[in-house]
Amino acid sequence: MNTDILFENEEEKVATERVLAAYRVKNINQDIDTYVTEILKYAKCIDDLLEQNNFPKRYLDKVSSLNEDEPLSLDIDLNKLDFRVKELIEDYIKRINTRVELIKENDRNLKYLEENYNLTNINLEEELKKAKLTTEEFA
């Protein structure tokens, strides 16, 4: 789709793309922070369950050194747990692995934005003016 007709000139188009990319980077970073927080929360829940069932805590340590290529899994010795507790732990592990995948996907999106838009040392106020996205433009 040709978007050139939406802009008065090439400078406005480039500035708009850079502004949108900068805001997208900000949102992606916020999402990643949220996923990391959730991963830690789930790992703590697993450790609490382990402690309640007289097993040593270990999942907070595991997620702190998580390998991107190897998903988190249930340790063999935890097969001895009550099936309800084991199912809960497996559910938390699945949630952790899902968030790790979401982080990887967001990381790829960040790399794409950084490769395709020059966002280093961006002056957002200036770019907003060039893109005609200030409040004065809309009033």
Protein backbone atom coordinates (compact mmCIF):
# COMPACT_ATOMS: atom_id res chain seq x y z
CA MET A 1 0.00 0.00 0.00
CA ASN A 2 1.37 3.38 -1.00
CA THR A 3 1.39 5.64 2.05
CA ASP A 4 3.18 8.54 0.38
CA ILE A 5 -0.10 10.40 -0.22
CA LEU A 6 -0.56 10.68 3.56
CA PHE A 7 2.44 12.98 3.90
CA GLU A 8 3.33 16.38 2.49
CA ASN A 9 6.97 15.44 1.94
CA GLU A 10 9.57 12.74 2.56
CA GLU A 11 10.87 14.46 5.73
CA GLU A 12 7.41 14.29 7.31
CA LYS A 13 7.07 10.62 6.36
CA VAL A 14 10.47 9.67 7.81
CA ALA A 15 9.82 11.66 10.98
CA THR A 16 6.43 9.99 11.45
CA GLU A 17 7.95 6.54 10.99
CA ARG A 18 10.70 7.34 13.49
CA VAL A 19 8.19 8.65 16.06
CA LEU A 20 6.03 5.55 15.68
CA ALA A 21 9.09 3.29 15.94
CA ALA A 22 10.28 5.11 19.07
CA TYR A 23 6.92 4.65 20.76
CA ARG A 24 6.83 1.01 19.66
CA VAL A 25 10.27 0.46 21.22
CA LYS A 26 9.02 2.01 24.46
CA ASN A 27 5.97 -0.28 24.50
CA ILE A 28 8.03 -3.37 23.71
CA ASN A 29 10.42 -2.58 26.55
CA GLN A 30 7.50 -2.17 28.94
CA ASP A 31 6.09 -5.52 27.78
CA ILE A 32 9.45 -7.22 28.34
CA ASP A 33 9.66 -5.75 31.84
CA THR A 34 6.17 -7.08 32.57
CA TYR A 35 7.09 -10.56 31.31
CA VAL A 36 10.25 -10.66 33.42
CA THR A 37 8.25 -9.65 36.49
CA GLU A 38 5.71 -12.37 35.79
CA ILE A 39 8.44 -14.98 35.31
CA LEU A 40 9.90 -14.11 38.69
CA LYS A 41 6.46 -14.19 40.30
CA TYR A 42 5.72 -17.65 38.89
CA ALA A 43 9.14 -18.96 39.92
CA LYS A 44 8.50 -17.72 43.45
CA CYS A 45 5.12 -19.48 43.47
CA ILE A 46 6.84 -22.71 42.44
CA ASP A 47 9.44 -22.29 45.17
CA ASP A 48 6.71 -21.63 47.74
CA LEU A 49 4.94 -24.83 46.68
CA LEU A 50 8.19 -26.76 46.88
CA GLU A 51 8.90 -25.43 50.34
CA GLN A 52 5.39 -26.31 51.53
CA ASN A 53 6.01 -29.87 50.32
CA ASN A 54 9.45 -30.20 51.93
CA PHE A 55 11.48 -29.83 48.74
CA PRO A 56 14.33 -27.34 48.36
CA LYS A 57 13.61 -24.09 46.54
CA ARG A 58 15.30 -23.89 43.14
CA TYR A 59 13.21 -22.25 40.44
CA LEU A 60 14.08 -18.63 41.21
CA ASP A 61 17.71 -19.64 40.72
CA LYS A 62 16.84 -21.51 37.54
CA VAL A 63 15.02 -18.59 35.92
CA SER A 64 17.87 -16.24 36.75
CA SER A 65 20.18 -18.35 34.58
CA LEU A 66 17.63 -19.51 32.03
CA ASN A 67 19.02 -20.64 28.68
CA GLU A 68 17.05 -19.25 25.74
CA ASP A 69 17.38 -22.45 23.74
CA GLU A 70 16.33 -24.81 26.50
CA PRO A 71 12.88 -24.42 28.05
CA LEU A 72 12.33 -24.79 31.76
CA SER A 73 11.09 -28.22 32.79
CA LEU A 74 9.97 -30.16 35.82
CA ASP A 75 12.85 -31.70 37.72
CA ILE A 76 12.76 -35.49 37.89
CA ASP A 77 12.70 -35.62 41.69
CA LEU A 78 9.45 -33.61 41.68
CA ASN A 79 7.56 -36.52 40.16
CA LYS A 80 7.16 -37.70 43.77
CA LEU A 81 4.90 -34.74 44.55
CA ASP A 82 1.17 -35.02 44.95
CA PHE A 83 -0.34 -34.88 41.45
CA ARG A 84 -2.28 -31.66 42.24
CA VAL A 85 0.87 -29.84 43.34
CA LYS A 86 2.79 -31.28 40.41
CA GLU A 87 0.10 -30.02 37.99
CA LEU A 88 0.28 -26.54 39.52
CA ILE A 89 4.05 -26.48 39.16
CA GLU A 90 3.83 -27.70 35.57
CA ASP A 91 1.31 -24.96 34.83
CA TYR A 92 3.66 -22.31 36.25
CA ILE A 93 6.51 -23.77 34.20
CA LYS A 94 4.40 -23.52 31.03
CA ARG A 95 3.58 -19.91 31.89
CA ILE A 96 7.26 -19.15 32.39
CA ASN A 97 8.19 -20.78 29.08
CA THR A 98 5.44 -18.84 27.29
CA ARG A 99 6.77 -15.56 28.65
CA VAL A 100 10.31 -16.48 27.64
CA GLU A 101 9.03 -17.03 24.09
CA LEU A 102 7.21 -13.68 24.19
CA ILE A 103 10.41 -11.99 25.33
CA LYS A 104 12.33 -13.59 22.44
CA GLU A 105 9.68 -12.43 19.97
CA ASN A 106 9.75 -8.90 21.36
CA ASP A 107 13.53 -8.92 21.24
CA ARG A 108 13.36 -9.79 17.52
CA ASN A 109 10.92 -6.91 17.02
CA LEU A 110 13.30 -4.54 18.82
CA LYS A 111 16.19 -5.61 16.62
CA TYR A 112 14.07 -5.10 13.53
CA LEU A 113 13.11 -1.57 14.61
CA GLU A 114 16.70 -0.70 15.48
CA GLU A 115 17.94 -2.00 12.13
CA ASN A 116 15.30 -0.22 10.04
CA TYR A 117 14.93 3.11 11.85
CA ASN A 118 17.71 5.31 13.11
CA LEU A 119 16.56 5.80 16.69
CA THR A 120 19.90 6.59 18.30
CA ASN A 121 19.92 10.08 19.74
CA ILE A 122 16.37 10.74 18.53
CA ASN A 123 14.98 14.12 19.56
CA LEU A 124 11.36 13.15 19.97
CA GLU A 125 10.07 16.71 20.27
CA GLU A 126 11.78 17.72 17.04
CA GLU A 127 10.58 14.60 15.24
CA LEU A 128 7.02 15.24 16.44
CA LYS A 129 7.20 18.75 14.95
CA LYS A 130 8.56 17.44 11.63
CA ALA A 131 5.85 14.79 11.54
CA LYS A 132 3.22 17.40 12.37
CA LEU A 133 2.02 15.36 15.34
CA THR A 134 2.01 18.13 17.93
CA THR A 135 -1.13 19.28 19.73
CA GLU A 136 -1.01 22.54 17.78
CA GLU A 137 -1.34 20.59 14.52
CA PHE A 138 -4.47 18.87 15.73
CA ALA A 139 -6.15 21.91 17.33
